[in-house]
Amino acid sequence: MPSRGLGRPPAAQALDRNWTGSDRVFGERDASRTFTSLALVLLMKVPVRSAHSPWYSSVIDQLGGGVFASAGGGIGSSRSRETSRRHWLTEPRTAVLAVLGVVVLVGGGRRLVQGFRARRAIARLSEPEVTPDDVAAASQFGRAGLHELFRLLCEAPDTRIRCAAGEALASLWAEDQLIAEEEQALVLRGYTVDWISRRKYPRDLRLEIPIELRYGLFFLSDDGRGIRPANLEWSHRIVGAKRASLEEDSPWKSGPRRLRFTIVPEDFQSQGPHRIVLQTRVRTAGLTAAWELALPHVALTFEFDPKLSLDSLLGLPDAVRGEQIKQSVELVTLPADEGGSRFLPFGDHLAIRNPPRIRIRSPLPCDLAHDVKLEIEGVSELIPAGSLVLKGESGRSDVSSGGAAVAEHFEIGPLSPRVGAIVERPGFRRLRLVLRANAELGWTDPAIRSIWPGTITTDWAEFEVVRR
């Protein structure tokens, strides 16, 4: 056994006195203190040079003090414990630990409160009476409500809720909280195509049929919190319209798109159904992730019915409604614009200065789909002057039957070239308009449902003919 001379620390000498010749210490200690004693024995085997190092004394004081305090050893005395306790309280690391503890408590409490608020806001999205404000509030908690926002975007019956969900997801996109696959999923689920057209036409229709469509992400706005319409560029082509120019890919352009084209009924020999397909691609512009995506094809289906009559859009004549329409349609002469006089070509060498306009007071009891004819006083021949198509009271959202009348003004023209042979000299003349129903014209507008069948004649108005 190594020598227990004066070179050993006091703690080791005390351990020697309690270790040799007596097993009373081990008989009264439990397993944990036995383990600590064994650790001290191993430390006593350290060479003398290492035994005088500060770390050796510190370990002996902390291990030996707890073992021999009850046995009366000098190392574990009450005075040593009190001194160690006072030194521990005054150490700088104690203040650091206290500050860290406060930070952990405050930060953890804040996270708990935020988590509770997030769960409550997200749970609100699954309720039937969810509002757009609830959807906007849930977007403040980042990706926590991502699944519910996508569900509302696809399944919500209310358009306002779907738009609010799209705006919330667009705001997360702008904050770079979505990965590329989620960005593409938002575009796929929010992509909307609105075809503005009838689905059935008379086989005898000969006029070109205008078809209008809108597509894009309509919940994006320039003043919103999410990405802007300028951050997405679109390209499209239209197949099935029997026009080669429409089947070429259009140039890339940002923002929701609005298209208008016409089809010729004679180009579709069979009754149908016929399909016009919109094929669209989209790509990002000015965003962190750059990608391009081909969107699902969206088709318009229509057909030509040989049993459908052109005159089926004409309503029944009625004296009361006829008087209402006569009072609602008039020809008025308006003063010149601030920029100067307006001129309407009147043949090859003449023009009308500040031509009269058609003023219509809404609501109308019927729709208007009429050819406009110009009648000049003293001339028996009626001059074609364009057409007028206007939805009546049943399809308008800006007027109500109990509200005040709303006046709208429409330009006359273009005039037929034959007018130059009818009027040869400048001067003041009087004219009036004759509006005749054209059911075929009504079929070109999907909003027209019931056309007034009678002829509408306005009062006389004066106009000036000048040379160009």
Protein backbone atom coordinates (compact mmCIF):
# COMPACT_ATOMS: atom_id res chain seq x y z
CA MET A 1 0.00 0.00 0.00
CA PRO A 2 1.38 3.51 -0.82
CA SER A 3 2.84 5.55 1.99
CA ARG A 4 0.43 7.78 3.91
CA GLY A 5 2.97 10.41 4.87
CA LEU A 6 2.90 14.15 5.21
CA GLY A 7 2.73 14.61 1.43
CA ARG A 8 -0.89 13.54 1.27
CA PRO A 9 -3.75 16.06 1.52
CA PRO A 10 -5.79 16.32 4.73
CA ALA A 11 -8.85 14.86 3.04
CA ALA A 12 -6.90 11.75 2.08
CA GLN A 13 -5.46 11.38 5.59
CA ALA A 14 -8.97 11.57 7.06
CA LEU A 15 -10.07 8.89 4.66
CA ASP A 16 -7.20 6.68 5.82
CA ARG A 17 -8.24 7.05 9.45
CA ASN A 18 -11.83 6.06 8.68
CA TRP A 19 -10.88 3.29 6.26
CA THR A 20 -8.31 1.21 8.15
CA GLY A 21 -9.21 -1.09 10.96
CA SER A 22 -12.90 -0.38 10.89
CA ASP A 23 -15.87 -1.47 8.79
CA ARG A 24 -18.35 0.64 10.75
CA VAL A 25 -18.47 3.30 8.03
CA PHE A 26 -19.51 0.82 5.36
CA GLY A 27 -21.96 -0.87 7.61
CA GLU A 28 -23.98 2.37 8.10
CA ARG A 29 -23.87 3.73 4.56
CA ASP A 30 -26.17 2.89 1.72
CA ALA A 31 -25.12 1.85 -1.76
CA SER A 32 -24.73 5.39 -3.09
CA ARG A 33 -22.26 6.43 -0.38
CA THR A 34 -20.36 3.18 -0.85
CA PHE A 35 -19.88 4.13 -4.48
CA THR A 36 -18.62 7.58 -3.48
CA SER A 37 -16.13 6.05 -1.03
CA LEU A 38 -14.78 3.79 -3.69
CA ALA A 39 -14.27 6.84 -5.90
CA LEU A 40 -12.24 8.47 -3.10
CA VAL A 41 -10.09 5.36 -2.73
CA LEU A 42 -9.25 5.51 -6.38
CA LEU A 43 -8.35 9.17 -6.08
CA MET A 44 -5.91 8.34 -3.24
CA LYS A 45 -3.93 6.26 -5.68
CA VAL A 46 -3.06 9.39 -7.63
CA PRO A 47 0.68 10.27 -7.42
CA VAL A 48 1.79 12.88 -4.92
CA ARG A 49 2.53 15.50 -7.54
CA SER A 50 -1.06 15.33 -8.94
CA ALA A 51 -2.51 15.16 -5.44
CA HIS A 52 -1.42 18.75 -4.74
CA SER A 53 -3.22 20.11 -7.81
CA PRO A 54 -6.36 22.32 -7.30
CA TRP A 55 -8.68 19.96 -9.12
CA TYR A 56 -7.69 17.07 -6.88
CA SER A 57 -8.44 18.99 -3.70
CA SER A 58 -11.75 20.23 -5.09
CA VAL A 59 -12.94 16.73 -5.97
CA ILE A 60 -11.83 15.32 -2.61
CA ASP A 61 -13.63 18.11 -0.73
CA GLN A 62 -16.92 17.58 -2.57
CA LEU A 63 -16.90 13.77 -2.50
CA GLY A 64 -15.36 13.20 0.89
CA GLY A 65 -17.37 15.87 2.66
CA GLY A 66 -20.66 14.13 1.95
CA VAL A 67 -19.37 10.72 2.99
CA PHE A 68 -17.71 11.55 6.30
CA ALA A 69 -19.88 14.36 7.57
CA SER A 70 -21.93 12.01 9.74
CA ALA A 71 -18.81 10.03 10.78
CA GLY A 72 -17.21 13.05 12.40
CA GLY A 73 -14.51 13.59 9.74
CA GLY A 74 -13.03 17.03 9.43
CA ILE A 75 -13.61 17.18 5.69
CA GLY A 76 -17.43 17.03 5.84
CA SER A 77 -17.87 19.45 8.75
CA SER A 78 -20.70 21.96 8.93
CA ARG A 79 -18.24 24.84 8.69
CA SER A 80 -16.97 23.58 5.32
CA ARG A 81 -20.47 23.17 3.94
CA GLU A 82 -21.53 26.66 5.00
CA THR A 83 -18.38 28.16 3.53
CA SER A 84 -18.93 26.29 0.24
CA ARG A 85 -22.56 27.44 0.17
CA ARG A 86 -21.57 31.07 0.68
CA HIS A 87 -18.91 30.79 -2.01
CA TRP A 88 -21.42 29.24 -4.44
CA LEU A 89 -23.90 32.08 -3.97
CA THR A 90 -21.27 34.72 -4.70
CA GLU A 91 -19.82 33.09 -7.79
CA PRO A 92 -20.50 34.89 -11.17
CA ARG A 93 -21.74 31.70 -12.75
CA THR A 94 -24.66 31.73 -10.32
CA ALA A 95 -25.89 35.02 -11.83
CA VAL A 96 -25.44 33.63 -15.32
CA LEU A 97 -27.48 30.55 -14.47
CA ALA A 98 -30.19 32.71 -12.94
CA VAL A 99 -30.44 34.88 -16.06
CA LEU A 100 -30.56 31.80 -18.26
CA GLY A 101 -33.32 30.38 -16.10
CA VAL A 102 -35.38 33.54 -16.42
CA VAL A 103 -34.89 33.55 -20.19
CA VAL A 104 -36.00 29.93 -20.42
CA LEU A 105 -39.07 30.57 -18.28
CA VAL A 106 -40.13 33.73 -20.15
CA GLY A 107 -39.41 32.30 -23.59
CA GLY A 108 -41.08 29.01 -22.82
CA GLY A 109 -44.14 30.76 -21.42
CA ARG A 110 -44.39 32.93 -24.50
CA ARG A 111 -44.15 29.90 -26.75
CA LEU A 112 -46.88 28.19 -24.78
CA VAL A 113 -49.18 31.21 -25.11
CA GLN A 114 -48.51 31.47 -28.84
CA GLY A 115 -49.12 27.77 -29.27
CA PHE A 116 -52.45 28.04 -27.47
CA ARG A 117 -53.52 30.98 -29.65
CA ALA A 118 -52.45 29.17 -32.81
CA ARG A 119 -54.42 26.02 -31.91
CA ARG A 120 -57.50 28.11 -31.15
CA ALA A 121 -57.24 30.07 -34.44
CA ILE A 122 -56.69 26.93 -36.51
CA ALA A 123 -59.54 25.10 -34.79
CA ARG A 124 -61.77 28.01 -35.80
CA LEU A 125 -61.10 27.24 -39.48
CA SER A 126 -62.85 23.87 -39.21
CA GLU A 127 -66.09 25.40 -37.94
CA PRO A 128 -69.02 25.89 -40.36
CA GLU A 129 -69.42 29.61 -39.59
CA VAL A 130 -65.81 30.54 -40.33
CA THR A 131 -65.38 34.09 -41.68
CA PRO A 132 -62.72 35.74 -43.89
CA ASP A 133 -61.39 37.52 -40.78
CA ASP A 134 -60.84 34.14 -39.10
CA VAL A 135 -58.88 32.93 -42.13
CA ALA A 136 -56.72 36.07 -42.11
CA ALA A 137 -56.06 35.67 -38.37
CA ALA A 138 -54.90 32.06 -38.83
CA SER A 139 -52.31 33.13 -41.40
CA GLN A 140 -50.44 35.05 -38.69
CA PHE A 141 -49.24 31.76 -37.20
CA GLY A 142 -47.27 30.69 -40.25
CA ARG A 143 -47.34 27.10 -41.42
CA ALA A 144 -49.37 25.88 -38.46
CA GLY A 145 -52.64 26.23 -40.40
CA LEU A 146 -51.31 25.24 -43.83
CA HIS A 147 -53.44 22.11 -44.16
CA GLU A 148 -56.68 23.88 -43.20
CA LEU A 149 -55.98 26.80 -45.54
CA PHE A 150 -55.52 24.44 -48.49
CA ARG A 151 -58.72 22.64 -47.53
CA LEU A 152 -60.71 25.89 -47.47
CA LEU A 153 -59.22 26.95 -50.79
CA CYS A 154 -60.53 23.77 -52.41
CA GLU A 155 -63.72 22.94 -50.49
CA ALA A 156 -65.20 26.12 -49.00
CA PRO A 157 -68.68 26.75 -50.47
CA ASP A 158 -68.40 30.52 -50.04
CA THR A 159 -66.31 32.36 -52.65
CA ARG A 160 -65.23 34.91 -50.04
CA ILE A 161 -63.77 32.17 -47.86
CA ARG A 162 -61.88 30.63 -50.79
CA CYS A 163 -60.44 34.02 -51.73
CA ALA A 164 -59.43 34.67 -48.11
CA ALA A 165 -57.68 31.29 -47.94
CA GLY A 166 -55.86 32.05 -51.19
CA GLU A 167 -54.75 35.44 -49.87
CA ALA A 168 -53.49 33.83 -46.65
CA LEU A 169 -51.46 31.24 -48.56
CA ALA A 170 -50.12 33.96 -50.87
CA SER A 171 -48.92 35.90 -47.81
CA LEU A 172 -47.05 32.79 -46.58
CA TRP A 173 -45.55 32.49 -50.06
CA ALA A 174 -44.37 36.10 -49.92
CA GLU A 175 -42.71 35.39 -46.56
CA ASP A 176 -40.83 32.40 -48.05
CA GLN A 177 -42.62 29.93 -45.78
CA LEU A 178 -43.66 27.64 -48.65
CA ILE A 179 -41.47 25.22 -50.55
CA ALA A 180 -41.63 25.05 -54.35
CA GLU A 181 -44.03 22.08 -54.35
CA GLU A 182 -46.45 23.94 -52.05
CA GLU A 183 -46.25 27.05 -54.25
CA GLN A 184 -47.20 24.96 -57.27
CA ALA A 185 -50.01 23.33 -55.30
CA LEU A 186 -51.40 26.79 -54.50
CA VAL A 187 -51.38 27.73 -58.18
CA LEU A 188 -53.02 24.44 -59.20
CA ARG A 189 -55.80 24.70 -56.61
CA GLY A 190 -56.36 28.43 -57.03
CA TYR A 191 -56.29 28.44 -60.84
CA THR A 192 -59.69 29.56 -62.14
CA VAL A 193 -61.09 29.76 -65.68
CA ASP A 194 -64.38 31.57 -66.42
CA TRP A 195 -65.88 30.98 -69.85
CA ILE A 196 -68.43 33.64 -70.85
CA SER A 197 -70.48 32.03 -73.56
CA ARG A 198 -73.68 30.15 -74.23
CA ARG A 199 -73.66 26.38 -74.29
CA LYS A 200 -76.29 25.99 -77.02
CA TYR A 201 -76.90 27.98 -80.21
CA PRO A 202 -79.45 27.73 -83.05
CA ARG A 203 -78.16 25.89 -86.08
CA ASP A 204 -79.45 28.75 -88.29
CA LEU A 205 -77.20 31.33 -86.61
CA ARG A 206 -74.95 33.08 -89.15
CA LEU A 207 -73.32 35.89 -87.16
CA GLU A 208 -69.88 35.31 -85.66
CA ILE A 209 -70.16 34.22 -82.04
CA PRO A 210 -67.98 36.16 -79.57
CA ILE A 211 -66.48 34.05 -76.77
CA GLU A 212 -64.82 35.59 -73.77
CA LEU A 213 -62.81 33.99 -70.99
CA ARG A 214 -60.82 35.00 -67.91
CA TYR A 215 -58.20 32.92 -66.16
CA GLY A 216 -55.61 33.28 -63.42
CA LEU A 217 -55.42 33.55 -59.62
CA PHE A 218 -58.11 36.11 -58.91
CA PHE A 219 -57.33 36.40 -55.19
CA LEU A 220 -53.98 38.07 -55.87
CA SER A 221 -53.92 41.86 -55.66
CA ASP A 222 -51.36 44.63 -55.84
CA ASP A 223 -52.29 45.98 -52.42
CA GLY A 224 -52.42 42.64 -50.57
CA ARG A 225 -49.93 41.07 -48.14
CA GLY A 226 -49.04 38.20 -50.45
CA ILE A 227 -47.30 37.93 -53.77
CA ARG A 228 -48.42 40.32 -56.51
CA PRO A 229 -50.07 39.46 -59.84
CA ALA A 230 -46.84 40.64 -61.48
CA ASN A 231 -44.99 37.74 -59.80
CA LEU A 232 -46.72 35.19 -62.08
CA GLU A 233 -46.49 35.20 -65.87
CA TRP A 234 -48.91 33.32 -68.10
CA SER A 235 -48.87 31.90 -71.61
CA HIS A 236 -51.77 30.15 -73.34
CA ARG A 237 -53.09 28.72 -76.55
CA ILE A 238 -56.63 27.80 -77.58
CA VAL A 239 -57.40 24.63 -79.49
CA GLY A 240 -60.68 23.79 -81.23
CA ALA A 241 -61.80 27.29 -82.30
CA LYS A 242 -60.90 26.62 -85.96
CA ARG A 243 -58.42 29.52 -85.95
CA ALA A 244 -54.71 28.98 -86.51
CA SER A 245 -53.70 32.21 -84.73
CA LEU A 246 -55.25 30.98 -81.48
CA GLU A 247 -53.34 27.69 -81.52
CA GLU A 248 -49.96 29.40 -81.20
CA ASP A 249 -48.47 30.02 -77.77
CA SER A 250 -49.10 33.58 -76.65
CA PRO A 251 -46.29 35.78 -75.29
CA TRP A 252 -45.66 35.61 -71.55
CA LYS A 253 -47.67 38.23 -69.69
CA SER A 254 -48.24 38.85 -65.99
CA GLY A 255 -51.51 39.25 -64.16
CA PRO A 256 -54.93 37.63 -64.71
CA ARG A 257 -55.70 37.33 -68.41
CA ARG A 258 -58.88 38.25 -70.25
CA LEU A 259 -59.37 36.99 -73.81
CA ARG A 260 -62.01 37.62 -76.43
CA PHE A 261 -62.27 35.91 -79.80
CA THR A 262 -64.99 34.86 -82.22
CA ILE A 263 -65.97 31.64 -83.91
CA VAL A 264 -67.85 31.20 -87.18
CA PRO A 265 -70.85 28.84 -86.96
CA GLU A 266 -70.29 27.60 -90.55
CA ASP A 267 -66.85 26.27 -89.48
CA PHE A 268 -68.59 23.66 -87.29
CA GLN A 269 -70.43 21.37 -89.66
CA SER A 270 -71.89 18.96 -87.14
CA GLN A 271 -74.28 19.71 -84.35
CA GLY A 272 -71.75 18.82 -81.69
CA PRO A 273 -71.01 18.85 -78.89
CA HIS A 274 -67.87 20.79 -79.80
CA ARG A 275 -64.96 21.56 -77.48
CA ILE A 276 -62.71 24.60 -77.27
CA VAL A 277 -59.76 23.87 -74.97
CA LEU A 278 -57.62 26.37 -73.10
CA GLN A 279 -54.03 25.20 -72.49
CA THR A 280 -52.09 27.39 -70.07
CA ARG A 281 -48.59 27.56 -68.61
CA VAL A 282 -47.40 29.68 -65.71
CA ARG A 283 -43.99 30.66 -64.39
CA THR A 284 -42.67 32.75 -61.52
CA ALA A 285 -41.08 36.18 -61.95
CA GLY A 286 -39.08 38.02 -59.32
CA LEU A 287 -39.49 35.35 -56.61
CA THR A 288 -36.98 33.22 -54.70
CA ALA A 289 -37.94 29.95 -56.40
CA ALA A 290 -37.98 29.90 -60.21
CA TRP A 291 -40.19 27.25 -61.80
CA GLU A 292 -42.59 26.73 -64.71
CA LEU A 293 -45.78 24.68 -64.57
CA ALA A 294 -48.24 23.37 -67.16
CA LEU A 295 -51.78 23.75 -65.80
CA PRO A 296 -54.73 21.42 -66.43
CA HIS A 297 -56.61 21.93 -69.69
CA VAL A 298 -60.03 23.55 -69.30
CA ALA A 299 -62.62 23.06 -72.05
CA LEU A 300 -65.76 24.90 -73.16
CA THR A 301 -68.43 22.58 -74.56
CA PHE A 302 -71.18 23.90 -76.83
CA GLU A 303 -73.48 22.62 -79.56
CA PHE A 304 -75.77 23.77 -82.37
CA ASP A 305 -79.40 22.72 -82.04
CA PRO A 306 -81.47 22.54 -85.25
CA LYS A 307 -84.68 22.65 -83.22
CA LEU A 308 -83.74 25.91 -81.49
CA SER A 309 -85.30 28.92 -83.22
CA LEU A 310 -83.62 32.30 -83.57
CA ASP A 311 -86.81 34.09 -82.51
CA SER A 312 -87.03 32.18 -79.24
CA LEU A 313 -85.25 35.11 -77.52
CA LEU A 314 -87.98 37.57 -78.49
CA GLY A 315 -90.39 38.50 -75.74
CA LEU A 316 -94.09 39.20 -76.07
CA PRO A 317 -95.22 42.73 -77.01
CA ASP A 318 -96.94 44.64 -74.26
CA ALA A 319 -98.35 48.18 -74.36
CA VAL A 320 -97.26 49.06 -70.83
CA ARG A 321 -93.69 47.88 -71.31
CA GLY A 322 -93.61 49.46 -74.75
CA GLU A 323 -94.39 52.86 -73.24
CA GLN A 324 -91.72 52.37 -70.57
CA ILE A 325 -89.10 51.55 -73.18
CA LYS A 326 -90.09 54.53 -75.34
CA GLN A 327 -89.59 56.86 -72.38
CA SER A 328 -86.30 55.20 -71.45
CA VAL A 329 -84.63 55.48 -74.87
CA GLU A 330 -83.97 58.96 -76.26
CA LEU A 331 -81.57 60.83 -78.51
CA VAL A 332 -79.75 63.74 -76.84
CA THR A 333 -77.23 66.33 -77.98
CA LEU A 334 -74.41 66.83 -75.53
CA PRO A 335 -72.00 69.79 -75.40
CA ALA A 336 -68.48 69.46 -76.75
CA ASP A 337 -65.85 67.80 -74.61
CA GLU A 338 -63.21 69.84 -72.84
CA GLY A 339 -60.64 68.73 -75.39
CA GLY A 340 -62.70 70.11 -78.29
CA SER A 341 -65.42 68.97 -80.63
CA ARG A 342 -66.10 65.36 -81.53
CA PHE A 343 -66.56 64.30 -85.14
CA LEU A 344 -68.30 61.29 -86.68
CA PRO A 345 -67.38 60.45 -90.29
CA PHE A 346 -70.35 61.13 -92.56
CA GLY A 347 -69.30 59.73 -95.93
CA ASP A 348 -65.97 60.36 -97.62
CA HIS A 349 -65.93 64.15 -97.40
CA LEU A 350 -68.27 65.12 -94.56
CA ALA A 351 -68.51 64.64 -90.79
CA ILE A 352 -71.00 65.30 -88.00
CA ARG A 353 -69.83 67.76 -85.34
CA ASN A 354 -70.63 66.58 -81.79
CA PRO A 355 -73.00 63.80 -82.93
CA PRO A 356 -76.01 63.04 -80.72
CA ARG A 357 -75.86 60.09 -78.37
CA ILE A 358 -78.34 57.45 -77.29
CA ARG A 359 -79.36 57.91 -73.66
CA ILE A 360 -81.00 54.93 -71.94
CA ARG A 361 -82.50 55.17 -68.49
CA SER A 362 -82.32 51.91 -66.55
CA PRO A 363 -83.91 49.72 -65.44
CA LEU A 364 -85.47 48.47 -68.65
CA PRO A 365 -88.36 45.99 -68.55
CA CYS A 366 -86.75 43.94 -71.36
CA ASP A 367 -83.36 43.37 -72.94
CA LEU A 368 -82.27 45.30 -76.01
CA ALA A 369 -80.61 43.62 -79.01
CA HIS A 370 -81.46 46.02 -81.82
CA ASP A 371 -80.01 47.29 -85.07
CA VAL A 372 -79.72 51.09 -85.07
CA LYS A 373 -80.89 52.98 -88.14
CA LEU A 374 -80.39 56.68 -88.78
CA GLU A 375 -83.29 58.59 -90.32
CA ILE A 376 -82.55 62.06 -91.73
CA GLU A 377 -85.44 64.47 -92.13
CA GLY A 378 -86.51 64.64 -95.75
CA VAL A 379 -84.70 61.40 -96.70
CA SER A 380 -86.73 58.23 -97.02
CA GLU A 381 -83.81 55.78 -96.82
CA LEU A 382 -82.67 54.59 -93.39
CA ILE A 383 -78.90 54.62 -92.83
CA PRO A 384 -77.33 51.75 -90.82
CA ALA A 385 -75.66 53.21 -87.70
CA GLY A 386 -74.42 50.22 -85.71
CA SER A 387 -76.21 48.13 -83.11
CA LEU A 388 -77.15 48.24 -79.44
CA VAL A 389 -77.10 45.29 -77.04
CA LEU A 390 -78.04 45.96 -73.41
CA LYS A 391 -79.20 43.76 -70.57
CA GLY A 392 -82.44 44.83 -68.95
CA GLU A 393 -83.58 44.88 -65.35
CA SER A 394 -83.49 41.11 -64.76
CA GLY A 395 -79.75 40.72 -65.24
CA ARG A 396 -78.26 43.90 -63.83
CA SER A 397 -76.66 44.19 -60.40
CA ASP A 398 -76.09 47.97 -60.40
CA VAL A 399 -79.77 48.92 -60.40
CA SER A 400 -82.83 47.78 -58.51
CA SER A 401 -86.50 48.04 -59.32
CA GLY A 402 -87.10 50.35 -56.39
CA GLY A 403 -84.03 52.55 -56.88
CA ALA A 404 -83.45 55.69 -58.91
CA ALA A 405 -83.02 55.46 -62.67
CA VAL A 406 -79.47 55.25 -63.99
CA ALA A 407 -78.70 57.00 -67.30
CA GLU A 408 -76.18 55.51 -69.74
CA HIS A 409 -74.96 57.05 -72.98
CA PHE A 410 -74.00 55.16 -76.15
CA GLU A 411 -72.26 56.42 -79.28
CA ILE A 412 -73.86 56.24 -82.73
CA GLY A 413 -72.00 54.51 -85.51
CA PRO A 414 -70.21 53.52 -87.51
CA LEU A 415 -72.34 54.91 -90.33
CA SER A 416 -72.79 53.20 -93.65
CA PRO A 417 -70.63 54.59 -96.50
CA ARG A 418 -73.81 55.23 -98.50
CA VAL A 419 -74.57 58.24 -96.33
CA GLY A 420 -72.19 60.33 -98.47
CA ALA A 421 -74.47 59.90 -101.48
CA ILE A 422 -77.51 60.93 -99.49
CA VAL A 423 -76.16 64.14 -97.95
CA GLU A 424 -73.83 66.12 -100.21
CA ARG A 425 -73.51 69.57 -98.56
CA PRO A 426 -72.66 70.82 -95.03
CA GLY A 427 -75.30 72.43 -92.88
CA PHE A 428 -77.72 71.84 -90.02
CA ARG A 429 -80.14 68.96 -90.27
CA ARG A 430 -82.46 66.94 -88.07
CA LEU A 431 -82.30 63.21 -87.45
CA ARG A 432 -83.80 60.49 -85.29
CA LEU A 433 -83.00 56.87 -84.56
CA VAL A 434 -85.02 53.78 -85.36
CA LEU A 435 -84.14 50.65 -83.33
CA ARG A 436 -85.35 47.32 -84.69
CA ALA A 437 -85.08 44.02 -82.81
CA ASN A 438 -82.52 41.53 -84.11
CA ALA A 439 -82.83 38.16 -82.40
CA GLU A 440 -79.71 36.85 -84.11
CA LEU A 441 -77.74 39.68 -82.52
CA GLY A 442 -79.10 38.68 -79.12
CA TRP A 443 -77.67 35.16 -79.43
CA THR A 444 -74.14 36.61 -79.52
CA ASP A 445 -74.45 37.90 -75.93
CA PRO A 446 -74.94 35.21 -73.26
CA ALA A 447 -76.54 37.75 -70.90
CA ILE A 448 -79.52 38.39 -73.18
CA ARG A 449 -82.61 36.40 -72.26
CA SER A 450 -85.71 38.31 -73.43
CA ILE A 451 -85.56 40.90 -76.22
CA TRP A 452 -88.16 43.60 -76.70
CA PRO A 453 -89.74 42.63 -80.07
CA GLY A 454 -91.03 46.03 -81.12
CA THR A 455 -89.45 48.94 -82.98
CA ILE A 456 -88.24 51.90 -80.93
CA THR A 457 -88.27 55.36 -82.51
CA THR A 458 -86.68 58.38 -80.79
CA ASP A 459 -87.58 62.05 -81.08
CA TRP A 460 -85.91 64.37 -83.56
CA ALA A 461 -82.57 66.01 -82.74
CA GLU A 462 -80.54 68.64 -84.61
CA PHE A 463 -76.98 68.05 -85.82
CA GLU A 464 -74.39 69.91 -87.89
CA VAL A 465 -72.67 68.48 -90.95
CA VAL A 466 -69.21 69.94 -91.75
CA ARG A 467 -66.51 69.17 -94.26
CA ARG A 468 -63.52 67.16 -93.11
